[in-house]
């Protein structure tokens, strides 16, 4: 077993159900987790079965009855200690994220840092959860609103961020007084088990009720069970638009709540008045980071026709310098795709693009030979296309960058907004008027809009999410915490009269 896995203290064979203090045996199928880095078996994990699902939901529901009565600062103190635990194990956990998912070590460590940062944010939030005081139209009445814990929060996460996206939801949900059930992607189960193992000691030391933080290892059928479960009032799901539509419909059918973080088809507009060096860096990192497997990955570059050829030459030169290989080697910038199914989708997208008239100044291919034995390494590629090409409107989770021309900024904005997804967007320009138009109501229709930086990544303090087929959900910072609570309007009558609605008189 790798030394970083041993440092985390997780076993090579783990159970599929955990309610916080210990792992519970499950009668589910045995799932094998293989690393896309070298193809080696990392762990054998039991998938949760129906009995395991029922145990977790019941425990989470029971724990909510206790946890909601802890004060928010008390809950925040537990989250603070979780952050400290993650700080202590940042290196081995970051390496595990890199090894099981395939992202670069820098990105793996960065993902754990995001977990630490959201813990810090949530600790501060635990002392600032607030409502509003309003002026009542009735004499000697006080009118205000308050926010109360909602219940059990179900968190369904995708493979590309094995741990960070869970923390964006869980840390906020916990300080708000909710309990959490986490169903990680079955492609990266050991990362979730390692996190649960780390935080369980913090929960135990603070006498947190068993069931406050739970995990369920399972395939999409387990996510479907969660979406249909009335005892889970809120489902936060990250994944494809297809998955989100299914989850959203199931949750809506029982009048539950959902936070959907789905696909992205993100573009950078490169103005002729851009800082070209910054624009090249933003475009390349946005397109090849995590091997193109981020929802915020840059998939389209919309380049002004006056600088198109020179900018394309710079891109080609930059792509020629990329180092592809073992992501645990810090000299490499691009790691593998998650599995061979993802490789097949990459190749199919390239085939379709060529059939639709795309030209590849940087060709894509599957890499073979020493260091590439897993069969999951591919070459990032660049395709010249027309903006209305069908394949460009789809999200392919792979390092394929589509480039196209524009004449006017209004045309560029229309091209950017022409896809079904609406997550992240950016413009590279030193022209204030261009930047302000891009940020206006006539500009980007995405949930995230950046000026002079790329589409990839986001800060903890801002609410994260997008529009259209991206789902409309918001996680992490700003006032996203309200999604995890229920609003209650309160009126207190401290007069000696009882004024009735609409001026009705009811004398006794």
Protein backbone atom coordinates (compact mmCIF):
# COMPACT_ATOMS: atom_id res chain seq x y z
CA UNK A 1 0.00 0.00 0.00
CA UNK A 2 1.22 3.53 -0.79
CA UNK A 3 2.72 5.37 2.16
CA UNK A 4 0.23 8.25 1.91
CA UNK A 5 -2.67 5.79 2.16
CA UNK A 6 -1.10 4.20 5.22
CA UNK A 7 -0.72 7.64 6.84
CA UNK A 8 -4.46 8.16 6.46
CA UNK A 9 -5.09 4.95 8.38
CA UNK A 10 -7.65 3.48 5.97
CA UNK A 11 -7.74 -0.22 5.24
CA UNK A 12 -7.38 -1.68 1.75
CA UNK A 13 -10.82 -3.29 2.16
CA UNK A 14 -13.42 -0.91 3.57
CA UNK A 15 -17.11 -0.99 4.30
CA UNK A 16 -19.68 0.87 2.22
CA UNK A 17 -21.62 2.44 5.08
CA UNK A 18 -20.49 4.78 7.84
CA UNK A 19 -22.51 6.75 10.36
CA UNK A 20 -19.61 8.72 11.75
CA UNK A 21 -18.05 6.75 14.59
CA UNK A 22 -17.42 3.47 12.86
CA UNK A 23 -17.95 1.60 9.62
CA UNK A 24 -20.86 -0.79 9.43
CA UNK A 25 -20.66 -4.04 7.51
CA UNK A 26 -22.69 -4.14 4.33
CA UNK A 27 -24.01 -7.03 2.28
CA UNK A 28 -23.54 -5.10 -0.96
CA UNK A 29 -21.30 -5.99 -3.86
CA UNK A 30 -17.53 -5.65 -3.62
CA UNK A 31 -16.33 -2.74 -5.76
CA UNK A 32 -12.75 -2.40 -6.99
CA UNK A 33 -11.13 1.03 -7.22
CA UNK A 34 -8.28 1.32 -9.73
CA UNK A 35 -5.95 4.28 -10.13
CA UNK A 36 -5.92 5.92 -13.59
CA UNK A 37 -2.30 6.86 -12.85
CA UNK A 38 -0.85 3.35 -13.16
CA UNK A 39 -3.86 1.05 -13.41
CA UNK A 40 -3.18 -0.53 -10.02
CA UNK A 41 -5.87 -1.66 -7.62
CA UNK A 42 -6.15 0.83 -4.74
CA UNK A 43 -8.96 -0.62 -2.67
CA UNK A 44 -11.82 -3.07 -2.51
CA UNK A 45 -14.91 -1.38 -1.15
CA UNK A 46 -18.24 -2.91 -0.20
CA UNK A 47 -21.15 -1.08 -1.81
CA UNK A 48 -24.03 -0.20 0.48
CA UNK A 49 -27.15 -2.33 0.19
CA UNK A 50 -30.76 -1.53 1.13
CA UNK A 51 -30.18 -2.35 4.80
CA UNK A 52 -27.14 -0.08 4.87
CA UNK A 53 -29.13 2.73 3.26
CA UNK A 54 -31.89 2.39 5.85
CA UNK A 55 -29.37 2.35 8.71
CA UNK A 56 -27.71 5.55 7.51
CA UNK A 57 -30.94 7.48 6.91
CA UNK A 58 -32.33 6.44 10.29
CA UNK A 59 -29.12 7.36 12.12
CA UNK A 60 -28.90 10.73 10.35
CA UNK A 61 -32.52 11.50 11.17
CA UNK A 62 -32.06 10.58 14.84
CA UNK A 63 -28.86 12.61 15.08
CA UNK A 64 -30.60 15.66 13.63
CA UNK A 65 -32.98 15.67 16.59
CA UNK A 66 -29.97 16.28 18.86
CA UNK A 67 -27.56 18.22 16.64
CA UNK A 68 -30.08 20.94 15.75
CA UNK A 69 -30.24 21.89 19.44
CA UNK A 70 -26.52 22.53 19.71
CA UNK A 71 -25.81 26.23 19.38
CA UNK A 72 -24.39 27.35 16.04
CA UNK A 73 -21.06 28.42 17.65
CA UNK A 74 -20.79 24.96 19.27
CA UNK A 75 -21.29 23.37 15.88
CA UNK A 76 -18.78 25.82 14.44
CA UNK A 77 -16.18 24.70 16.98
CA UNK A 78 -16.52 21.11 15.73
CA UNK A 79 -16.04 22.31 12.15
CA UNK A 80 -12.98 24.31 13.24
CA UNK A 81 -11.43 21.13 14.61
CA UNK A 82 -12.27 19.31 11.37
CA UNK A 83 -10.32 22.02 9.56
CA UNK A 84 -7.36 21.48 11.87
CA UNK A 85 -7.48 17.73 11.27
CA UNK A 86 -7.43 18.33 7.51
CA UNK A 87 -4.46 20.68 7.92
CA UNK A 88 -2.55 17.94 9.71
CA UNK A 89 -3.26 15.41 6.94
CA UNK A 90 -3.21 17.73 3.93
CA UNK A 91 -0.22 16.07 2.26
CA UNK A 92 -1.31 12.40 2.37
CA UNK A 93 -4.94 13.26 1.57
CA UNK A 94 -3.85 15.46 -1.33
CA UNK A 95 -1.70 12.64 -2.68
CA UNK A 96 -4.59 10.21 -2.39
CA UNK A 97 -6.85 12.60 -4.32
CA UNK A 98 -4.19 12.86 -7.01
CA UNK A 99 -3.60 9.10 -7.16
CA UNK A 100 -7.21 7.90 -7.10
CA UNK A 101 -8.63 10.62 -9.40
CA UNK A 102 -5.61 11.42 -11.56
CA UNK A 103 -5.32 15.18 -11.13
CA UNK A 104 -1.91 16.78 -10.60
CA UNK A 105 -0.44 16.76 -7.11
CA UNK A 106 -0.68 20.55 -6.95
CA UNK A 107 -4.39 20.28 -7.71
CA UNK A 108 -4.86 17.46 -5.21
CA UNK A 109 -3.24 19.50 -2.46
CA UNK A 110 -5.23 22.52 -3.60
CA UNK A 111 -8.45 20.56 -3.27
CA UNK A 112 -7.68 19.72 0.35
CA UNK A 113 -6.83 23.38 0.92
CA UNK A 114 -10.30 24.26 -0.37
CA UNK A 115 -11.70 21.97 2.33
CA UNK A 116 -9.66 23.78 4.95
CA UNK A 117 -10.76 27.16 3.62
CA UNK A 118 -14.45 26.28 3.69
CA UNK A 119 -14.06 25.09 7.28
CA UNK A 120 -12.66 28.52 8.16
CA UNK A 121 -15.52 30.20 6.31
CA UNK A 122 -18.11 28.01 8.04
CA UNK A 123 -16.65 28.74 11.49
CA UNK A 124 -17.15 32.46 10.92
CA UNK A 125 -20.61 31.81 9.52
CA UNK A 126 -21.58 29.94 12.69
CA UNK A 127 -21.54 33.27 14.55
CA UNK A 128 -23.24 35.34 11.85
CA UNK A 129 -26.33 33.36 10.78
CA UNK A 130 -28.93 36.08 10.73
CA UNK A 131 -32.47 37.07 9.81
CA UNK A 132 -34.18 40.43 9.32
CA UNK A 133 -36.21 42.69 11.58
CA UNK A 134 -39.07 44.43 9.74
CA UNK A 135 -41.53 47.16 10.64
CA UNK A 136 -44.97 45.82 11.49
CA UNK A 137 -48.05 47.70 10.30
CA UNK A 138 -49.74 46.84 13.60
CA UNK A 139 -48.98 48.83 16.78
CA UNK A 140 -46.94 47.09 19.43
CA UNK A 141 -46.07 44.13 17.24
CA UNK A 142 -42.59 42.90 16.38
CA UNK A 143 -42.08 41.34 12.95
CA UNK A 144 -38.94 39.45 12.04
CA UNK A 145 -37.61 36.35 10.30
CA UNK A 146 -35.31 33.64 11.52
CA UNK A 147 -33.50 30.73 9.90
CA UNK A 148 -33.69 27.24 11.39
CA UNK A 149 -32.02 23.89 10.58
CA UNK A 150 -33.66 22.03 7.72
CA UNK A 151 -32.89 18.37 8.44
CA UNK A 152 -30.87 15.69 6.69
CA UNK A 153 -28.79 16.93 3.75
CA UNK A 154 -27.96 14.43 1.01
CA UNK A 155 -24.74 15.21 -0.87
CA UNK A 156 -23.99 13.45 -4.17
CA UNK A 157 -20.55 14.30 -5.57
CA UNK A 158 -18.72 13.63 -8.83
CA UNK A 159 -15.34 12.00 -9.42
CA UNK A 160 -13.50 15.13 -10.57
CA UNK A 161 -13.50 16.74 -7.11
CA UNK A 162 -13.46 13.71 -4.80
CA UNK A 163 -13.53 15.69 -1.54
CA UNK A 164 -13.78 19.48 -1.98
CA UNK A 165 -17.35 19.71 -3.27
CA UNK A 166 -18.57 17.56 -0.38
CA UNK A 167 -16.96 20.00 2.04
CA UNK A 168 -18.55 23.03 0.34
CA UNK A 169 -21.90 21.49 1.22
CA UNK A 170 -21.17 19.59 4.42
CA UNK A 171 -19.37 22.28 6.40
CA UNK A 172 -22.11 24.83 5.70
CA UNK A 173 -24.86 22.29 6.36
CA UNK A 174 -23.26 21.25 9.66
CA UNK A 175 -22.97 24.74 11.13
CA UNK A 176 -26.56 25.37 10.04
CA UNK A 177 -27.58 22.43 12.25
CA UNK A 178 -28.18 19.76 9.60
CA UNK A 179 -26.84 16.24 9.41
CA UNK A 180 -25.22 14.96 6.20
CA UNK A 181 -25.28 11.81 4.08
CA UNK A 182 -22.54 11.71 1.45
CA UNK A 183 -22.66 9.52 -1.64
CA UNK A 184 -19.34 9.99 -3.40
CA UNK A 185 -18.69 8.86 -6.95
CA UNK A 186 -18.04 5.12 -7.04
CA UNK A 187 -14.97 5.96 -9.16
CA UNK A 188 -13.18 7.54 -6.16
CA UNK A 189 -14.54 5.83 -3.02
CA UNK A 190 -11.32 5.66 -1.01
CA UNK A 191 -11.00 9.46 -0.89
CA UNK A 192 -14.40 9.68 0.79
CA UNK A 193 -13.62 6.85 3.19
CA UNK A 194 -10.33 8.53 4.13
CA UNK A 195 -12.08 11.84 4.88
CA UNK A 196 -14.76 10.09 6.93
CA UNK A 197 -12.04 8.24 8.82
CA UNK A 198 -10.23 11.50 9.61
CA UNK A 199 -13.23 13.49 10.77
CA UNK A 200 -14.81 10.64 12.76
CA UNK A 201 -12.17 11.08 15.45
CA UNK A 202 -13.09 14.78 15.77
CA UNK A 203 -16.78 13.93 16.00
CA UNK A 204 -16.12 11.24 18.62
CA UNK A 205 -13.92 13.50 20.78
CA UNK A 206 -16.62 16.18 20.80
CA UNK A 207 -19.38 13.68 21.60
CA UNK A 208 -21.20 14.54 18.41
CA UNK A 209 -24.20 12.23 17.93
CA UNK A 210 -23.55 9.24 15.69
CA UNK A 211 -25.14 9.93 12.32
CA UNK A 212 -24.26 13.62 12.00
CA UNK A 213 -21.87 12.79 9.14
CA UNK A 214 -22.46 9.61 7.14
CA UNK A 215 -21.31 8.07 3.87
CA UNK A 216 -22.93 5.66 1.45
CA UNK A 217 -20.75 4.01 -1.19
CA UNK A 218 -22.85 3.08 -4.19
CA UNK A 219 -23.57 3.52 -7.88
CA UNK A 220 -26.22 5.74 -9.46
CA UNK A 221 -29.01 3.58 -8.03
CA UNK A 222 -27.96 4.70 -4.54
CA UNK A 223 -28.22 8.33 -5.66
CA UNK A 224 -31.67 7.59 -7.03
CA UNK A 225 -32.73 6.16 -3.67
CA UNK A 226 -31.51 9.30 -1.92
CA UNK A 227 -33.32 11.56 -4.38
CA UNK A 228 -36.60 9.72 -3.75
CA UNK A 229 -36.24 9.55 0.05
CA UNK A 230 -38.74 11.84 1.83
CA UNK A 231 -36.63 11.81 5.01
CA UNK A 232 -33.90 13.73 3.15
CA UNK A 233 -35.42 17.19 2.57
CA UNK A 234 -32.43 18.55 0.65
CA UNK A 235 -30.34 16.90 -2.05
CA UNK A 236 -27.21 18.64 -3.35
CA UNK A 237 -26.03 16.86 -6.49
CA UNK A 238 -23.00 17.49 -8.68
CA UNK A 239 -22.68 15.79 -12.05
CA UNK A 240 -23.93 15.83 -15.61
CA UNK A 241 -27.03 17.66 -16.80
CA UNK A 242 -28.60 14.29 -17.56
CA UNK A 243 -28.07 13.15 -13.98
CA UNK A 244 -29.28 16.49 -12.61
CA UNK A 245 -32.54 16.37 -14.54
CA UNK A 246 -33.26 12.93 -13.11
CA UNK A 247 -32.39 13.93 -9.55
CA UNK A 248 -34.23 17.24 -9.82
CA UNK A 249 -37.40 15.56 -11.08
CA UNK A 250 -37.32 12.92 -8.33
CA UNK A 251 -36.80 15.49 -5.58
CA UNK A 252 -39.42 17.86 -7.00
CA UNK A 253 -41.99 15.06 -7.22
CA UNK A 254 -41.91 14.82 -3.41
CA UNK A 255 -41.68 18.63 -3.01
CA UNK A 256 -38.17 18.42 -1.64
CA UNK A 257 -35.33 20.85 -2.27
CA UNK A 258 -32.37 20.40 -4.57
CA UNK A 259 -29.09 22.19 -5.25
CA UNK A 260 -27.91 21.16 -8.71
CA UNK A 261 -24.35 21.79 -9.91
CA UNK A 262 -24.22 20.35 -13.39
CA UNK A 263 -22.32 20.73 -16.64
CA UNK A 264 -20.30 23.65 -17.93
CA UNK A 265 -19.29 24.71 -21.44
CA UNK A 266 -17.18 27.66 -20.53
CA UNK A 267 -15.70 30.27 -22.83
CA UNK A 268 -13.04 32.95 -22.66
CA UNK A 269 -13.47 35.94 -24.96
CA UNK A 270 -10.03 37.19 -26.02
CA UNK A 271 -10.24 40.85 -27.05
CA UNK A 272 -7.73 42.49 -29.37
CA UNK A 273 -7.13 44.76 -26.36
CA UNK A 274 -6.23 41.86 -24.06
CA UNK A 275 -2.99 41.30 -22.21
CA UNK A 276 -2.00 38.47 -24.55
CA UNK A 277 0.39 36.76 -22.13
CA UNK A 278 -2.31 36.56 -19.45
CA UNK A 279 -4.83 35.35 -22.01
CA UNK A 280 -2.61 32.50 -23.19
CA UNK A 281 -1.94 31.35 -19.62
CA UNK A 282 -5.65 31.54 -18.73
CA UNK A 283 -6.66 29.63 -21.83
CA UNK A 284 -4.09 26.87 -21.53
CA UNK A 285 -4.53 26.21 -17.82
CA UNK A 286 -8.30 26.45 -18.11
CA UNK A 287 -8.33 23.90 -20.93
CA UNK A 288 -5.80 21.31 -19.69
CA UNK A 289 -6.06 21.58 -15.88
CA UNK A 290 -7.41 18.33 -14.38
CA UNK A 291 -7.07 17.00 -17.95
CA UNK A 292 -10.17 18.95 -18.92
CA UNK A 293 -12.31 17.26 -16.27
CA UNK A 294 -13.54 20.32 -14.39
CA UNK A 295 -17.04 21.73 -14.70
CA UNK A 296 -15.26 25.10 -15.02
CA UNK A 297 -12.81 23.86 -17.69
CA UNK A 298 -12.28 26.29 -20.57
CA UNK A 299 -13.80 24.53 -23.58
CA UNK A 300 -14.07 27.47 -25.98
CA UNK A 301 -11.81 30.39 -26.86
CA UNK A 302 -13.59 33.16 -28.77
CA UNK A 303 -10.77 35.24 -30.27
CA UNK A 304 -10.96 38.59 -32.06
CA UNK A 305 -10.24 38.14 -35.76
CA UNK A 306 -7.45 40.75 -35.74
CA UNK A 307 -5.30 38.69 -33.35
CA UNK A 308 -6.64 35.21 -34.15
CA UNK A 309 -3.66 33.86 -36.11
CA UNK A 310 -0.99 35.22 -33.79
CA UNK A 311 -2.87 34.03 -30.72
CA UNK A 312 -3.34 30.58 -32.25
CA UNK A 313 0.42 30.36 -32.83
CA UNK A 314 1.07 31.18 -29.17
CA UNK A 315 -1.40 28.48 -28.09
CA UNK A 316 0.22 25.87 -30.30
CA UNK A 317 3.62 26.76 -28.90
CA UNK A 318 2.32 26.53 -25.32
CA UNK A 319 0.70 23.13 -25.95
CA UNK A 320 4.01 21.88 -27.28
CA UNK A 321 5.56 22.53 -23.87
CA UNK A 322 3.00 20.57 -21.82
CA UNK A 323 4.35 17.71 -19.74
CA UNK A 324 1.96 14.76 -19.52
CA UNK A 325 2.45 11.91 -17.08
CA UNK A 326 2.25 10.69 -13.48
CA UNK A 327 0.39 13.47 -11.63
CA UNK A 328 2.32 12.73 -8.43
CA UNK A 329 5.43 13.98 -10.25
CA UNK A 330 5.30 17.74 -9.75
CA UNK A 331 7.14 18.27 -13.04
CA UNK A 332 4.08 17.05 -14.95
CA UNK A 333 1.21 19.42 -15.68
CA UNK A 334 -1.37 17.03 -17.14
CA UNK A 335 -2.41 13.69 -15.69
CA UNK A 336 -4.73 10.95 -16.97
CA UNK A 337 -8.44 10.88 -17.61
CA UNK A 338 -10.43 9.08 -14.94
CA UNK A 339 -10.87 5.81 -16.87
CA UNK A 340 -10.94 4.23 -20.31
CA UNK A 341 -14.60 5.12 -20.79
CA UNK A 342 -13.56 8.78 -20.57
CA UNK A 343 -10.84 8.10 -23.14
CA UNK A 344 -13.45 6.62 -25.49
CA UNK A 345 -15.61 9.74 -25.10
CA UNK A 346 -12.58 11.92 -25.87
CA UNK A 347 -11.85 10.00 -29.07
CA UNK A 348 -15.50 10.04 -30.11
CA UNK A 349 -15.73 13.82 -29.65
CA UNK A 350 -12.63 14.30 -31.83
CA UNK A 351 -14.13 12.05 -34.51
CA UNK A 352 -17.43 13.92 -34.50
CA UNK A 353 -15.67 17.30 -34.55
CA UNK A 354 -13.73 16.31 -37.67
CA UNK A 355 -16.90 15.03 -39.33
CA UNK A 356 -18.50 18.42 -38.62
CA UNK A 357 -15.65 20.32 -40.27
CA UNK A 358 -13.28 20.89 -37.36
CA UNK A 359 -9.57 21.27 -38.11
CA UNK A 360 -6.97 20.30 -35.49
CA UNK A 361 -3.81 22.46 -35.37
CA UNK A 362 -2.89 20.34 -32.33
CA UNK A 363 -4.00 16.74 -32.85
CA UNK A 364 -5.31 14.56 -30.04
CA UNK A 365 -4.25 10.99 -29.38
CA UNK A 366 -4.08 8.31 -26.71
CA UNK A 367 -0.58 8.06 -25.29
CA UNK A 368 1.14 4.70 -25.07
CA UNK A 369 4.40 3.30 -23.79
CA UNK A 370 6.33 3.57 -20.54
CA UNK A 371 4.43 5.56 -17.91
CA UNK A 372 1.15 5.33 -19.79
CA UNK A 373 0.28 1.70 -19.05
CA UNK A 374 -3.14 2.52 -17.55
CA UNK A 375 -4.41 3.53 -20.99
CA UNK A 376 -5.93 6.71 -19.56
CA UNK A 377 -3.43 9.31 -20.77
CA UNK A 378 -4.39 11.48 -23.73
CA UNK A 379 -2.86 14.46 -25.49
CA UNK A 380 -4.65 17.80 -25.03
CA UNK A 381 -5.75 19.07 -28.43
CA UNK A 382 -7.00 22.22 -30.16
CA UNK A 383 -9.75 22.30 -32.77
CA UNK A 384 -10.61 25.22 -35.06
CA UNK A 385 -14.38 25.29 -35.50
CA UNK A 386 -17.31 27.45 -36.39
CA UNK A 387 -19.26 28.70 -33.40
CA UNK A 388 -22.46 26.90 -34.38
CA UNK A 389 -20.85 23.46 -34.74
CA UNK A 390 -23.03 20.94 -32.89
CA UNK A 391 -20.22 19.22 -30.96
CA UNK A 392 -19.16 22.60 -29.54
CA UNK A 393 -22.48 22.93 -27.75
CA UNK A 394 -21.90 19.67 -25.86
CA UNK A 395 -19.74 19.17 -22.79
CA UNK A 396 -17.00 16.59 -23.31
CA UNK A 397 -15.10 15.95 -20.08
CA UNK A 398 -11.68 15.89 -21.74
CA UNK A 399 -8.89 18.30 -22.78
CA UNK A 400 -10.39 19.41 -26.14
CA UNK A 401 -10.21 23.16 -26.72
CA UNK A 402 -12.38 24.70 -29.45
CA UNK A 403 -11.19 28.01 -30.91
CA UNK A 404 -13.20 30.39 -33.10
CA UNK A 405 -13.22 33.98 -34.37
CA UNK A 406 -15.38 37.02 -33.70
CA UNK A 407 -15.68 40.54 -35.12
CA UNK A 408 -17.62 42.55 -32.53
CA UNK A 409 -17.94 42.08 -28.79
CA UNK A 410 -21.70 41.75 -29.12
CA UNK A 411 -21.12 38.84 -31.51
CA UNK A 412 -18.64 37.25 -29.08
CA UNK A 413 -21.11 37.49 -26.19
CA UNK A 414 -23.84 35.95 -28.34
CA UNK A 415 -21.51 33.07 -29.23
CA UNK A 416 -20.61 32.54 -25.59
CA UNK A 417 -24.25 32.50 -24.52
CA UNK A 418 -25.39 30.23 -27.38
CA UNK A 419 -24.73 26.95 -25.54
CA UNK A 420 -27.19 25.19 -23.18
CA UNK A 421 -24.84 25.43 -20.18
CA UNK A 422 -24.22 28.57 -18.13
CA UNK A 423 -21.57 28.03 -15.46
CA UNK A 424 -18.40 30.08 -15.91
CA UNK A 425 -17.27 32.75 -18.35
CA UNK A 426 -14.43 35.20 -18.81
CA UNK A 427 -13.20 38.07 -20.92
CA UNK A 428 -9.59 39.09 -21.37
CA UNK A 429 -9.48 42.84 -22.06
CA UNK A 430 -7.88 46.02 -20.81
CA UNK A 431 -10.79 48.06 -22.20
CA UNK A 432 -13.08 49.13 -19.36
CA UNK A 433 -16.09 49.55 -21.65
CA UNK A 434 -15.71 46.00 -22.98
CA UNK A 435 -15.42 44.63 -19.46
CA UNK A 436 -18.49 46.50 -18.27
CA UNK A 437 -20.57 45.38 -21.27
CA UNK A 438 -19.55 41.79 -20.58
CA UNK A 439 -20.71 42.17 -16.95
CA UNK A 440 -23.97 43.96 -17.78
CA UNK A 441 -27.44 42.49 -18.34
CA UNK A 442 -26.55 42.38 -22.05
CA UNK A 443 -23.40 40.37 -21.29
CA UNK A 444 -22.57 36.94 -19.91
CA UNK A 445 -25.53 34.76 -18.93
CA UNK A 446 -23.40 32.56 -16.64
CA UNK A 447 -23.38 32.23 -12.88
CA UNK A 448 -19.68 33.18 -12.83
CA UNK A 449 -18.21 36.03 -14.88
CA UNK A 450 -14.51 36.93 -14.71
CA UNK A 451 -12.42 39.73 -16.16
CA UNK A 452 -8.72 39.12 -16.90
CA UNK A 453 -8.63 35.63 -15.43
CA UNK A 454 -9.83 32.31 -16.74
CA UNK A 455 -12.98 30.27 -16.20
CA UNK A 456 -11.40 27.59 -14.03
CA UNK A 457 -11.66 27.73 -10.26
CA UNK A 458 -13.55 29.94 -7.83
CA UNK A 459 -13.03 31.52 -4.42
CA UNK A 460 -14.64 30.09 -1.30
CA UNK A 461 -16.21 33.43 -0.34
CA UNK A 462 -18.39 33.67 -3.45
CA UNK A 463 -21.46 31.59 -4.18
CA UNK A 464 -20.58 28.90 -6.73
CA UNK A 465 -23.01 27.77 -9.42
CA UNK A 466 -24.53 28.49 -12.79
CA UNK A 467 -27.65 28.99 -14.89
CA UNK A 468 -29.57 27.12 -17.61
CA UNK A 469 -28.55 23.44 -17.81
CA UNK A 470 -25.92 24.02 -15.13
CA UNK A 471 -28.83 23.73 -12.73
CA UNK A 472 -29.15 27.07 -10.98
CA UNK A 473 -27.80 25.88 -7.62
CA UNK A 474 -25.39 27.80 -5.40
CA UNK A 475 -22.87 26.36 -2.96
CA UNK A 476 -20.08 27.61 -0.68
CA UNK A 477 -19.90 31.34 0.08
CA UNK A 478 -22.01 34.49 0.09
CA UNK A 479 -25.57 33.66 1.27
CA UNK A 480 -25.59 30.11 -0.14
CA UNK A 481 -26.10 28.96 3.48
CA UNK A 482 -29.79 29.88 3.17
CA UNK A 483 -30.31 26.85 0.92
CA UNK A 484 -29.53 24.60 3.90
CA UNK A 485 -32.02 26.22 6.27
CA UNK A 486 -35.72 26.95 6.49
CA UNK A 487 -37.02 30.50 6.79
CA UNK A 488 -39.58 31.32 9.46
CA UNK A 489 -41.49 34.60 9.68
CA UNK A 490 -42.29 35.52 13.29
CA UNK A 491 -44.76 38.06 14.67
CA UNK A 492 -44.94 38.89 18.38
CA UNK A 493 -47.90 40.84 19.70
CA UNK A 494 -46.97 42.67 22.90
CA UNK A 495 -50.06 44.91 22.94
CA UNK A 496 -53.38 44.45 24.76
CA UNK A 497 -55.31 44.31 21.48
CA UNK A 498 -55.69 41.67 18.80
CA UNK A 499 -55.95 43.42 15.41
CA UNK A 500 -57.31 40.97 12.83
CA UNK A 501 -56.37 40.61 9.19
CA UNK A 502 -58.03 42.88 6.60
CA UNK A 503 -59.53 44.96 9.40
CA UNK A 504 -62.08 42.31 10.33
CA UNK A 505 -64.01 42.97 13.55
CA UNK A 506 -64.87 39.98 15.68
CA UNK A 507 -66.37 41.12 18.97
CA UNK A 508 -67.11 38.77 21.83
